[in-house]
Structure formats: structure tokens, C-alpha cells
Amino acid sequence: MNARLETYKRELLRWNGRINLIGPEAKANLDDHVAEAIIAAGLLKPRGNVLDFGSGGGLPAIPMAIVSPDARFHLVEADRKKWAFLKHIVRACELNAVVYGDRLARAVTRFPPDVRFSLVTSRAVGTPEEWVPSLTAWMEPGGRIALFQSAPAVASIAGFEAGEVFPLPRGTSNYLVTLAFHVEQSNG
């Protein structure tokens, strides 16, 4: 297995002994969670700027960043202890990533003004119809939102079209649901 993936798993478990980075299920099934993130990277093919919102202990973003050399990951996490871990693991694994220790609404004010995301990932964070619209100005045309969630559907969100739905191998209620950003053309 990739040495950086081994470093990530080792450090995640070490830090998790002191701070709650992942829950008991993720800890017991860490290899499956990492494999799922790698499968997602294969499906999504991250490139350019990628935003992971609610990065927590780094699943799925860190394994995806490790196997996606054509992407620069922007990790947003509000919990101070978790973003300290993320900064540590980005350094330890020498990832092309930057960590924003803040809530999404404040983190967007710190993004470089010309950054546009080709992909945004999130695992079970809040209600997508509440936070996805806040990213419209930061999406590149055709950019995608990828939601790791327990249901194969997502509510309609203005500016985004339903995309592909991929069942993921870890359990029967585990999906990767995509939305595609579209730019409205004015007829004027």
C-alpha cells in the first residue's frame, strides 16, 4: 500500500487516541473508509482546485488527495483540534493541500479571489441545499459537488443539476451523489 496512506492511517489512529477525529465505526472499519475514498477518487478524477467541506479527520479528502496528484485540495474544518490534525497530516504526507480552520461562510472570504473549484466534496455535513448555494461564485463552469451520504437522492438546488449516483461498497445505504454546476446563459 502507498506509504502516505499508511502514514495517514497511523497518524489518524494515534491522534484519535487524544482527540475525537473519527467515531467507533470509522475506526473499526478504517481500511474500508480509506478504500472507499480511493474508489471515489477513481470515479471523480479530482483535478485543479478541490474543496472538501467539513473535513474532520480527513475522510474522504486525505486519501483522495494522496491519490490525486493533479488536484490542489482546500480543506475546511471549524473544529480547532481537527484542523490542527489536518495541518499536521498535510505536512507529514507532503500533500498539495491547504487547511482553512474556520466555518465555510468565513473560509470563503479567505479563498484566493481567482480560485474556482472543479470539485467540492462533503461527507454528511449539514443540509446541502443550505450550504451548496453559497459556493456558486467559487465553482468553475461544469464543476461538481460530490456528496457522500446515506440516500441516493438530494433536493433540487438552484444552479445545479442532478448528476450521477454511485453506490459505494461500504454498506447498503452508502452513496456518492453528484451535482453539476451550470451557468445560466442570458438571451439578451
N, C-alpha and C. Protein backbone atom coordinates (compact mmCIF):
# COMPACT_ATOMS: atom_id res chain seq x y z
N MET A 1 0.86 -1.19 0.00
CA MET A 1 0.00 0.00 0.00
C MET A 1 0.89 1.24 0.00
N ASN A 2 0.36 2.31 -0.51
CA ASN A 2 1.03 3.60 -0.57
C ASN A 2 1.53 4.02 0.82
N ALA A 3 2.80 4.41 0.92
CA ALA A 3 3.39 4.79 2.21
C ALA A 3 2.67 5.98 2.83
N ARG A 4 2.20 6.93 1.98
CA ARG A 4 1.49 8.09 2.53
C ARG A 4 0.13 7.69 3.10
N LEU A 5 -0.52 6.70 2.50
CA LEU A 5 -1.78 6.20 3.07
C LEU A 5 -1.52 5.54 4.41
N GLU A 6 -0.44 4.79 4.52
CA GLU A 6 -0.08 4.16 5.80
C GLU A 6 0.23 5.23 6.85
N THR A 7 0.94 6.28 6.46
CA THR A 7 1.23 7.39 7.39
C THR A 7 -0.07 8.02 7.85
N TYR A 8 -0.98 8.27 6.91
CA TYR A 8 -2.27 8.87 7.27
C TYR A 8 -3.00 8.00 8.29
N LYS A 9 -3.14 6.73 8.00
CA LYS A 9 -3.88 5.85 8.91
C LYS A 9 -3.21 5.77 10.29
N ARG A 10 -1.91 5.63 10.31
CA ARG A 10 -1.18 5.56 11.58
C ARG A 10 -1.37 6.84 12.41
N GLU A 11 -1.21 8.00 11.77
CA GLU A 11 -1.35 9.27 12.47
C GLU A 11 -2.80 9.53 12.89
N LEU A 12 -3.74 9.15 12.05
CA LEU A 12 -5.16 9.31 12.39
C LEU A 12 -5.49 8.53 13.66
N LEU A 13 -5.05 7.29 13.73
CA LEU A 13 -5.33 6.48 14.91
C LEU A 13 -4.58 7.00 16.14
N ARG A 14 -3.36 7.45 15.95
CA ARG A 14 -2.58 7.99 17.07
C ARG A 14 -3.26 9.25 17.63
N TRP A 15 -3.61 10.19 16.75
CA TRP A 15 -4.26 11.42 17.19
C TRP A 15 -5.66 11.13 17.74
N ASN A 16 -6.35 10.15 17.18
CA ASN A 16 -7.70 9.84 17.63
C ASN A 16 -7.70 9.34 19.07
N GLY A 17 -6.57 8.84 19.54
CA GLY A 17 -6.47 8.44 20.94
C GLY A 17 -6.56 9.61 21.89
N ARG A 18 -6.24 10.82 21.40
CA ARG A 18 -6.27 12.04 22.24
C ARG A 18 -7.47 12.93 21.94
N ILE A 19 -7.83 13.01 20.68
CA ILE A 19 -8.98 13.85 20.30
C ILE A 19 -9.89 13.04 19.39
N ASN A 20 -11.17 13.34 19.43
CA ASN A 20 -12.15 12.58 18.66
C ASN A 20 -12.16 13.02 17.20
N LEU A 21 -11.36 12.35 16.38
CA LEU A 21 -11.32 12.67 14.95
C LEU A 21 -12.33 11.84 14.16
N ILE A 22 -12.47 10.59 14.53
CA ILE A 22 -13.41 9.68 13.87
C ILE A 22 -14.13 8.87 14.94
N GLY A 23 -15.33 8.43 14.60
CA GLY A 23 -16.12 7.65 15.54
C GLY A 23 -15.72 6.18 15.56
N PRO A 24 -16.36 5.40 16.44
CA PRO A 24 -16.01 3.98 16.58
C PRO A 24 -16.19 3.18 15.29
N GLU A 25 -17.23 3.47 14.52
CA GLU A 25 -17.46 2.72 13.28
C GLU A 25 -16.33 2.96 12.30
N ALA A 26 -15.96 4.23 12.11
CA ALA A 26 -14.88 4.55 11.17
C ALA A 26 -13.55 3.96 11.66
N LYS A 27 -13.32 3.99 12.95
CA LYS A 27 -12.08 3.43 13.50
C LYS A 27 -12.02 1.92 13.25
N ALA A 28 -13.13 1.23 13.49
CA ALA A 28 -13.18 -0.22 13.31
C ALA A 28 -13.07 -0.62 11.84
N ASN A 29 -13.49 0.26 10.95
CA ASN A 29 -13.51 -0.04 9.52
C ASN A 29 -12.65 0.93 8.72
N LEU A 30 -11.54 1.36 9.30
CA LEU A 30 -10.72 2.40 8.67
C LEU A 30 -10.25 2.00 7.27
N ASP A 31 -9.80 0.77 7.10
CA ASP A 31 -9.33 0.35 5.78
C ASP A 31 -10.45 0.48 4.74
N ASP A 32 -11.68 0.13 5.13
CA ASP A 32 -12.82 0.25 4.21
C ASP A 32 -13.11 1.71 3.87
N HIS A 33 -13.02 2.59 4.86
CA HIS A 33 -13.25 4.01 4.61
C HIS A 33 -12.19 4.59 3.67
N VAL A 34 -10.94 4.19 3.88
CA VAL A 34 -9.86 4.66 3.01
C VAL A 34 -10.06 4.12 1.60
N ALA A 35 -10.39 2.84 1.49
CA ALA A 35 -10.64 2.23 0.17
C ALA A 35 -11.79 2.94 -0.54
N GLU A 36 -12.83 3.27 0.20
CA GLU A 36 -13.97 3.98 -0.37
C GLU A 36 -13.55 5.35 -0.92
N ALA A 37 -12.71 6.06 -0.20
CA ALA A 37 -12.22 7.36 -0.67
C ALA A 37 -11.40 7.20 -1.95
N ILE A 38 -10.62 6.14 -2.03
CA ILE A 38 -9.82 5.89 -3.22
C ILE A 38 -10.72 5.53 -4.41
N ILE A 39 -11.76 4.75 -4.14
CA ILE A 39 -12.75 4.44 -5.19
C ILE A 39 -13.40 5.73 -5.67
N ALA A 40 -13.78 6.59 -4.74
CA ALA A 40 -14.40 7.87 -5.10
C ALA A 40 -13.45 8.71 -5.95
N ALA A 41 -12.17 8.72 -5.61
CA ALA A 41 -11.20 9.47 -6.41
C ALA A 41 -11.13 8.91 -7.83
N GLY A 42 -11.22 7.60 -7.95
CA GLY A 42 -11.23 6.98 -9.28
C GLY A 42 -12.46 7.36 -10.08
N LEU A 43 -13.60 7.49 -9.42
CA LEU A 43 -14.84 7.87 -10.10
C LEU A 43 -14.86 9.35 -10.46
N LEU A 44 -14.40 10.18 -9.53
CA LEU A 44 -14.50 11.64 -9.69
C LEU A 44 -13.31 12.25 -10.42
N LYS A 45 -12.17 11.59 -10.38
CA LYS A 45 -10.94 12.08 -11.03
C LYS A 45 -10.64 13.55 -10.66
N PRO A 46 -10.38 13.82 -9.39
CA PRO A 46 -10.11 15.20 -8.95
C PRO A 46 -8.94 15.82 -9.71
N ARG A 47 -9.12 17.10 -10.08
CA ARG A 47 -8.10 17.87 -10.77
C ARG A 47 -8.32 19.33 -10.44
N GLY A 48 -7.33 20.15 -10.66
CA GLY A 48 -7.47 21.57 -10.36
C GLY A 48 -7.71 21.78 -8.87
N ASN A 49 -8.53 22.75 -8.54
CA ASN A 49 -8.84 23.05 -7.14
C ASN A 49 -10.04 22.25 -6.68
N VAL A 50 -9.87 21.58 -5.55
CA VAL A 50 -10.91 20.74 -4.96
C VAL A 50 -11.15 21.24 -3.53
N LEU A 51 -12.41 21.45 -3.19
CA LEU A 51 -12.78 21.88 -1.85
C LEU A 51 -13.41 20.71 -1.11
N ASP A 52 -12.95 20.46 0.11
CA ASP A 52 -13.61 19.49 0.99
C ASP A 52 -14.12 20.27 2.18
N PHE A 53 -15.42 20.21 2.39
CA PHE A 53 -16.10 20.97 3.43
C PHE A 53 -16.45 20.05 4.59
N GLY A 54 -16.07 20.45 5.81
CA GLY A 54 -16.31 19.62 6.99
C GLY A 54 -15.34 18.45 6.99
N SER A 55 -14.06 18.76 6.85
CA SER A 55 -13.04 17.73 6.60
C SER A 55 -12.79 16.79 7.78
N GLY A 56 -13.10 17.22 9.00
CA GLY A 56 -12.99 16.35 10.17
C GLY A 56 -11.64 15.67 10.28
N GLY A 57 -11.65 14.35 10.33
CA GLY A 57 -10.42 13.57 10.42
C GLY A 57 -9.79 13.26 9.08
N GLY A 58 -10.33 13.85 8.01
CA GLY A 58 -9.71 13.71 6.70
C GLY A 58 -10.32 12.67 5.78
N LEU A 59 -11.43 12.08 6.17
CA LEU A 59 -12.12 11.13 5.29
C LEU A 59 -13.30 11.83 4.62
N PRO A 60 -13.33 11.86 3.32
CA PRO A 60 -12.51 11.15 2.33
C PRO A 60 -11.34 11.97 1.77
N ALA A 61 -11.20 13.23 2.17
CA ALA A 61 -10.29 14.16 1.48
C ALA A 61 -8.82 13.74 1.47
N ILE A 62 -8.30 13.27 2.60
CA ILE A 62 -6.86 12.98 2.64
C ILE A 62 -6.50 11.80 1.72
N PRO A 63 -7.20 10.65 1.79
CA PRO A 63 -6.87 9.60 0.83
C PRO A 63 -7.07 10.05 -0.63
N MET A 64 -8.10 10.84 -0.88
CA MET A 64 -8.32 11.34 -2.24
C MET A 64 -7.15 12.22 -2.68
N ALA A 65 -6.67 13.08 -1.79
CA ALA A 65 -5.54 13.96 -2.12
C ALA A 65 -4.28 13.15 -2.38
N ILE A 66 -4.09 12.09 -1.62
CA ILE A 66 -2.89 11.26 -1.78
C ILE A 66 -2.86 10.62 -3.17
N VAL A 67 -4.01 10.20 -3.67
CA VAL A 67 -4.04 9.50 -4.97
C VAL A 67 -4.40 10.41 -6.14
N SER A 68 -4.48 11.72 -5.90
CA SER A 68 -4.90 12.67 -6.96
C SER A 68 -3.84 13.76 -7.14
N PRO A 69 -2.76 13.45 -7.81
CA PRO A 69 -1.66 14.42 -7.95
C PRO A 69 -2.00 15.65 -8.79
N ASP A 70 -3.07 15.59 -9.58
CA ASP A 70 -3.45 16.73 -10.42
C ASP A 70 -4.39 17.70 -9.73
N ALA A 71 -4.58 17.54 -8.42
CA ALA A 71 -5.52 18.37 -7.68
C ALA A 71 -4.82 19.09 -6.52
N ARG A 72 -5.32 20.28 -6.22
CA ARG A 72 -4.93 21.01 -5.01
C ARG A 72 -6.16 21.04 -4.12
N PHE A 73 -6.05 20.43 -2.95
CA PHE A 73 -7.19 20.31 -2.04
C PHE A 73 -7.23 21.49 -1.07
N HIS A 74 -8.42 22.02 -0.86
CA HIS A 74 -8.70 23.08 0.11
C HIS A 74 -9.62 22.44 1.14
N LEU A 75 -9.12 22.25 2.36
CA LEU A 75 -9.86 21.56 3.41
C LEU A 75 -10.41 22.57 4.39
N VAL A 76 -11.71 22.53 4.62
CA VAL A 76 -12.37 23.47 5.54
C VAL A 76 -12.91 22.69 6.73
N GLU A 77 -12.44 23.07 7.92
CA GLU A 77 -12.86 22.41 9.16
C GLU A 77 -12.91 23.44 10.28
N ALA A 78 -14.06 23.52 10.97
CA ALA A 78 -14.25 24.53 12.01
C ALA A 78 -13.65 24.12 13.36
N ASP A 79 -13.58 22.84 13.64
CA ASP A 79 -13.09 22.36 14.93
C ASP A 79 -11.56 22.51 15.00
N ARG A 80 -11.09 23.29 15.96
CA ARG A 80 -9.67 23.62 16.07
C ARG A 80 -8.77 22.38 16.18
N LYS A 81 -9.16 21.40 17.00
CA LYS A 81 -8.34 20.20 17.16
C LYS A 81 -8.28 19.41 15.86
N LYS A 82 -9.39 19.34 15.15
CA LYS A 82 -9.41 18.60 13.88
C LYS A 82 -8.59 19.31 12.82
N TRP A 83 -8.68 20.65 12.74
CA TRP A 83 -7.87 21.30 11.71
C TRP A 83 -6.40 21.28 12.07
N ALA A 84 -6.06 21.20 13.36
CA ALA A 84 -4.65 21.03 13.73
C ALA A 84 -4.14 19.68 13.22
N PHE A 85 -4.95 18.65 13.35
CA PHE A 85 -4.58 17.34 12.80
C PHE A 85 -4.43 17.42 11.28
N LEU A 86 -5.38 18.07 10.61
CA LEU A 86 -5.32 18.17 9.15
C LEU A 86 -4.04 18.87 8.69
N LYS A 87 -3.67 19.95 9.39
CA LYS A 87 -2.42 20.65 9.03
C LYS A 87 -1.22 19.73 9.23
N HIS A 88 -1.23 18.98 10.32
CA HIS A 88 -0.15 18.02 10.59
C HIS A 88 -0.07 16.98 9.48
N ILE A 89 -1.19 16.40 9.09
CA ILE A 89 -1.16 15.31 8.12
C ILE A 89 -0.83 15.82 6.72
N VAL A 90 -1.23 17.04 6.40
CA VAL A 90 -0.86 17.63 5.10
C VAL A 90 0.66 17.75 5.01
N ARG A 91 1.29 18.18 6.12
CA ARG A 91 2.76 18.27 6.15
C ARG A 91 3.40 16.88 6.12
N ALA A 92 2.91 15.98 6.98
CA ALA A 92 3.51 14.65 7.09
C ALA A 92 3.42 13.86 5.79
N CYS A 93 2.35 14.04 5.05
CA CYS A 93 2.15 13.31 3.79
C CYS A 93 2.56 14.12 2.57
N GLU A 94 3.07 15.34 2.82
CA GLU A 94 3.52 16.22 1.73
C GLU A 94 2.45 16.36 0.65
N LEU A 95 1.26 16.77 1.08
CA LEU A 95 0.13 16.90 0.16
C LEU A 95 0.04 18.29 -0.44
N ASN A 96 -0.51 18.36 -1.61
CA ASN A 96 -0.81 19.63 -2.26
C ASN A 96 -2.17 20.07 -1.72
N ALA A 97 -2.15 20.66 -0.53
CA ALA A 97 -3.40 21.00 0.16
C ALA A 97 -3.17 22.17 1.09
N VAL A 98 -4.25 22.90 1.35
CA VAL A 98 -4.25 23.99 2.31
C VAL A 98 -5.44 23.77 3.24
N VAL A 99 -5.26 24.08 4.52
CA VAL A 99 -6.31 23.88 5.52
C VAL A 99 -6.82 25.23 5.99
N TYR A 100 -8.13 25.38 5.98
CA TYR A 100 -8.79 26.59 6.50
C TYR A 100 -9.48 26.20 7.80
N GLY A 101 -9.01 26.71 8.91
CA GLY A 101 -9.60 26.43 10.20
C GLY A 101 -10.72 27.42 10.48
N ASP A 102 -11.88 27.13 9.92
CA ASP A 102 -12.99 28.07 10.05
C ASP A 102 -14.27 27.40 9.56
N ARG A 103 -15.38 28.10 9.77
CA ARG A 103 -16.65 27.67 9.18
C ARG A 103 -16.64 28.06 7.71
N LEU A 104 -17.43 27.37 6.90
CA LEU A 104 -17.44 27.60 5.46
C LEU A 104 -17.73 29.05 5.12
N ALA A 105 -18.71 29.66 5.78
CA ALA A 105 -19.10 31.05 5.47
C ALA A 105 -17.93 32.02 5.65
N ARG A 106 -17.08 31.77 6.63
CA ARG A 106 -15.91 32.63 6.82
C ARG A 106 -14.72 32.19 5.97
N ALA A 107 -14.59 30.90 5.74
CA ALA A 107 -13.47 30.40 4.94
C ALA A 107 -13.52 30.94 3.51
N VAL A 108 -14.72 31.05 2.94
CA VAL A 108 -14.81 31.53 1.55
C VAL A 108 -14.24 32.94 1.41
N THR A 109 -14.27 33.72 2.48
CA THR A 109 -13.72 35.08 2.40
C THR A 109 -12.19 35.06 2.38
N ARG A 110 -11.60 33.91 2.70
CA ARG A 110 -10.14 33.78 2.70
C ARG A 110 -9.60 33.04 1.48
N PHE A 111 -10.49 32.53 0.63
CA PHE A 111 -10.03 31.86 -0.59
C PHE A 111 -9.36 32.90 -1.49
N PRO A 112 -8.34 32.49 -2.24
CA PRO A 112 -7.77 33.41 -3.23
C PRO A 112 -8.89 33.85 -4.18
N PRO A 113 -8.94 35.15 -4.55
CA PRO A 113 -10.07 35.64 -5.33
C PRO A 113 -10.27 34.96 -6.68
N ASP A 114 -9.21 34.42 -7.25
CA ASP A 114 -9.33 33.80 -8.56
C ASP A 114 -9.53 32.28 -8.51
N VAL A 115 -9.61 31.69 -7.32
CA VAL A 115 -9.77 30.25 -7.23
C VAL A 115 -11.19 29.86 -7.66
N ARG A 116 -11.29 28.78 -8.43
CA ARG A 116 -12.57 28.20 -8.81
C ARG A 116 -12.42 26.70 -8.62
N PHE A 117 -13.45 26.10 -8.06
CA PHE A 117 -13.38 24.67 -7.74
C PHE A 117 -14.00 23.82 -8.84
N SER A 118 -13.24 22.80 -9.23
CA SER A 118 -13.76 21.83 -10.19
C SER A 118 -14.59 20.77 -9.47
N LEU A 119 -14.32 20.62 -8.17
CA LEU A 119 -14.99 19.60 -7.38
C LEU A 119 -15.09 20.07 -5.93
N VAL A 120 -16.24 19.80 -5.32
CA VAL A 120 -16.45 20.04 -3.89
C VAL A 120 -16.94 18.73 -3.31
N THR A 121 -16.30 18.26 -2.23
CA THR A 121 -16.73 17.03 -1.58
C THR A 121 -17.17 17.31 -0.15
N SER A 122 -18.10 16.50 0.32
CA SER A 122 -18.56 16.62 1.69
C SER A 122 -19.19 15.30 2.12
N ARG A 123 -18.89 14.90 3.34
CA ARG A 123 -19.47 13.67 3.88
C ARG A 123 -20.44 14.02 5.01
N ALA A 124 -21.73 13.90 4.70
CA ALA A 124 -22.78 14.03 5.71
C ALA A 124 -22.63 15.30 6.57
N VAL A 125 -22.46 16.45 5.91
CA VAL A 125 -22.32 17.71 6.63
C VAL A 125 -23.55 18.58 6.35
N GLY A 126 -24.34 18.82 7.38
CA GLY A 126 -25.48 19.72 7.25
C GLY A 126 -26.45 19.33 6.15
N THR A 127 -27.19 20.31 5.69
CA THR A 127 -28.16 20.12 4.63
C THR A 127 -27.61 20.77 3.37
N PRO A 128 -27.31 19.98 2.33
CA PRO A 128 -26.69 20.54 1.13
C PRO A 128 -27.43 21.73 0.55
N GLU A 129 -28.75 21.71 0.58
CA GLU A 129 -29.49 22.84 -0.01
C GLU A 129 -29.27 24.14 0.75
N GLU A 130 -28.72 24.05 1.97
CA GLU A 130 -28.38 25.26 2.73
C GLU A 130 -26.98 25.77 2.41
N TRP A 131 -26.00 24.90 2.20
CA TRP A 131 -24.62 25.37 2.01
C TRP A 131 -24.14 25.34 0.57
N VAL A 132 -24.69 24.48 -0.28
CA VAL A 132 -24.23 24.42 -1.68
C VAL A 132 -24.39 25.76 -2.40
N PRO A 133 -25.55 26.47 -2.27
CA PRO A 133 -25.69 27.74 -3.00
C PRO A 133 -24.61 28.77 -2.65
N SER A 134 -24.05 28.70 -1.44
CA SER A 134 -23.02 29.68 -1.05
C SER A 134 -21.73 29.50 -1.85
N LEU A 135 -21.60 28.40 -2.57
CA LEU A 135 -20.38 28.12 -3.32
C LEU A 135 -20.48 28.48 -4.80
N THR A 136 -21.64 28.94 -5.24
CA THR A 136 -21.85 29.23 -6.66
C THR A 136 -20.75 30.11 -7.25
N ALA A 137 -20.38 31.18 -6.56
CA ALA A 137 -19.35 32.10 -7.07
C ALA A 137 -17.97 31.46 -7.14
N TRP A 138 -17.79 30.33 -6.46
CA TRP A 138 -16.48 29.69 -6.39
C TRP A 138 -16.37 28.46 -7.28
N MET A 139 -17.43 28.14 -8.01
CA MET A 139 -17.43 26.95 -8.87
C MET A 139 -16.97 27.31 -10.27
N GLU A 140 -16.19 26.43 -10.87
CA GLU A 140 -15.87 26.63 -12.28
C GLU A 140 -17.03 26.05 -13.10
N PRO A 141 -17.27 26.58 -14.30
CA PRO A 141 -18.35 26.02 -15.13
C PRO A 141 -18.18 24.51 -15.28
N GLY A 142 -19.26 23.79 -15.04
CA GLY A 142 -19.21 22.33 -15.11
C GLY A 142 -18.65 21.68 -13.86
N GLY A 143 -18.29 22.49 -12.85
CA GLY A 143 -17.78 21.94 -11.60
C GLY A 143 -18.83 21.05 -10.94
N ARG A 144 -18.38 20.16 -10.09
CA ARG A 144 -19.29 19.21 -9.46
C ARG A 144 -19.23 19.26 -7.95
N ILE A 145 -20.37 18.96 -7.35
CA ILE A 145 -20.48 18.73 -5.91
C ILE A 145 -20.62 17.23 -5.75
N ALA A 146 -19.85 16.62 -4.86
CA ALA A 146 -19.94 15.18 -4.60
C ALA A 146 -20.26 14.98 -3.13
N LEU A 147 -21.43 14.44 -2.87
CA LEU A 147 -21.92 14.25 -1.51
C LEU A 147 -21.84 12.77 -1.14
N PHE A 148 -21.14 12.48 -0.06
CA PHE A 148 -21.10 11.13 0.48
C PHE A 148 -22.25 11.06 1.48
N GLN A 149 -23.26 10.27 1.17
CA GLN A 149 -24.45 10.27 2.03
C GLN A 149 -25.16 8.93 2.02
N SER A 150 -26.18 8.81 2.87
CA SER A 150 -26.87 7.53 3.05
C SER A 150 -28.05 7.33 2.11
N ALA A 151 -28.43 8.34 1.35
CA ALA A 151 -29.56 8.23 0.42
C ALA A 151 -29.09 8.58 -1.00
N PRO A 152 -29.72 7.98 -2.01
CA PRO A 152 -29.29 8.22 -3.38
C PRO A 152 -29.86 9.49 -4.01
N ALA A 153 -30.58 10.29 -3.27
CA ALA A 153 -31.20 11.49 -3.83
C ALA A 153 -30.80 12.72 -3.02
N VAL A 154 -30.92 13.87 -3.67
CA VAL A 154 -30.67 15.15 -3.00
C VAL A 154 -31.73 16.12 -3.52
N ALA A 155 -32.13 17.06 -2.68
CA ALA A 155 -33.13 18.05 -3.08
C ALA A 155 -32.61 18.90 -4.23
N SER A 156 -33.51 19.45 -5.00
CA SER A 156 -33.14 20.34 -6.09
C SER A 156 -32.49 21.60 -5.54
N ILE A 157 -31.39 22.02 -6.17
CA ILE A 157 -30.65 23.20 -5.73
C ILE A 157 -30.44 24.10 -6.95
N ALA A 158 -30.90 25.35 -6.85
CA ALA A 158 -30.77 26.29 -7.97
C ALA A 158 -29.33 26.40 -8.41
N GLY A 159 -29.11 26.37 -9.73
CA GLY A 159 -27.78 26.50 -10.29
C GLY A 159 -27.04 25.17 -10.44
N PHE A 160 -27.65 24.10 -9.96
CA PHE A 160 -27.01 22.78 -10.02
C PHE A 160 -28.00 21.76 -10.59
N GLU A 161 -27.49 20.87 -11.40
CA GLU A 161 -28.29 19.80 -11.97
C GLU A 161 -27.90 18.48 -11.33
N ALA A 162 -28.88 17.59 -11.19
CA ALA A 162 -28.58 16.27 -10.66
C ALA A 162 -27.57 15.59 -11.58
N GLY A 163 -26.62 14.94 -10.99
CA GLY A 163 -25.59 14.23 -11.75
C GLY A 163 -25.69 12.74 -11.52
N GLU A 164 -24.56 12.10 -11.51
CA GLU A 164 -24.52 10.66 -11.33
C GLU A 164 -24.64 10.28 -9.87
N VAL A 165 -25.14 9.07 -9.65
CA VAL A 165 -25.23 8.49 -8.31
C VAL A 165 -24.47 7.17 -8.35
N PHE A 166 -23.53 7.02 -7.44
CA PHE A 166 -22.72 5.81 -7.38
C PHE A 166 -22.97 5.12 -6.04
N PRO A 167 -23.43 3.87 -6.05
CA PRO A 167 -23.47 3.13 -4.78
C PRO A 167 -22.04 2.83 -4.36
N LEU A 168 -21.76 3.00 -3.09
CA LEU A 168 -20.42 2.73 -2.58
C LEU A 168 -20.43 1.40 -1.84
N PRO A 169 -19.30 0.71 -1.82
CA PRO A 169 -19.29 -0.66 -1.32
C PRO A 169 -19.48 -0.84 0.19
N ARG A 170 -19.29 0.20 0.98
CA ARG A 170 -19.34 0.06 2.43
C ARG A 170 -20.78 0.16 2.93
N GLY A 171 -21.51 -0.95 2.93
CA GLY A 171 -22.88 -0.97 3.44
C GLY A 171 -23.91 -0.78 2.33
N THR A 172 -25.17 -0.96 2.70
CA THR A 172 -26.24 -0.88 1.71
C THR A 172 -26.83 0.52 1.58
N SER A 173 -26.56 1.40 2.51
CA SER A 173 -27.06 2.78 2.46
C SER A 173 -25.88 3.73 2.41
N ASN A 174 -25.14 3.66 1.32
CA ASN A 174 -23.91 4.42 1.21
C ASN A 174 -23.73 4.83 -0.25
N TYR A 175 -23.87 6.13 -0.51
CA TYR A 175 -23.86 6.61 -1.89
C TYR A 175 -22.95 7.82 -2.06
N LEU A 176 -22.48 7.97 -3.28
CA LEU A 176 -21.79 9.17 -3.72
C LEU A 176 -22.72 9.80 -4.75
N VAL A 177 -23.28 10.96 -4.38
CA VAL A 177 -24.28 11.65 -5.21
C VAL A 177 -23.64 12.92 -5.75
N THR A 178 -23.71 13.11 -7.07
CA THR A 178 -23.07 14.29 -7.66
C THR A 178 -24.10 15.28 -8.19
N LEU A 179 -23.72 16.54 -8.13
CA LEU A 179 -24.48 17.64 -8.72
C LEU A 179 -23.52 18.38 -9.63
N ALA A 180 -24.01 18.85 -10.75
CA ALA A 180 -23.17 19.60 -11.69
C ALA A 180 -23.59 21.06 -11.69
N PHE A 181 -22.61 21.95 -11.57
CA PHE A 181 -22.86 23.38 -11.61
C PHE A 181 -23.08 23.78 -13.07
N HIS A 182 -24.11 24.56 -13.29
CA HIS A 182 -24.33 25.06 -14.64
C HIS A 182 -24.52 26.56 -14.60
N VAL A 183 -23.98 27.22 -15.61
CA VAL A 183 -24.07 28.67 -15.71
C VAL A 183 -25.25 29.00 -16.60
N GLU A 184 -26.16 29.80 -16.07
CA GLU A 184 -27.32 30.23 -16.86
C GLU A 184 -26.85 31.20 -17.95
N GLN A 185 -27.28 30.97 -19.16
CA GLN A 185 -26.95 31.86 -20.28
C GLN A 185 -28.08 32.85 -20.46
N SER A 186 -27.76 34.12 -20.54
CA SER A 186 -28.79 35.14 -20.76
C SER A 186 -29.02 35.30 -22.26
N ASN A 187 -30.24 35.48 -22.62
CA ASN A 187 -30.61 35.67 -24.03
C ASN A 187 -30.87 37.13 -24.29
N GLY A 188 -29.84 37.94 -24.22
CA GLY A 188 -30.08 39.35 -24.37
C GLY A 188 -29.18 40.04 -25.24
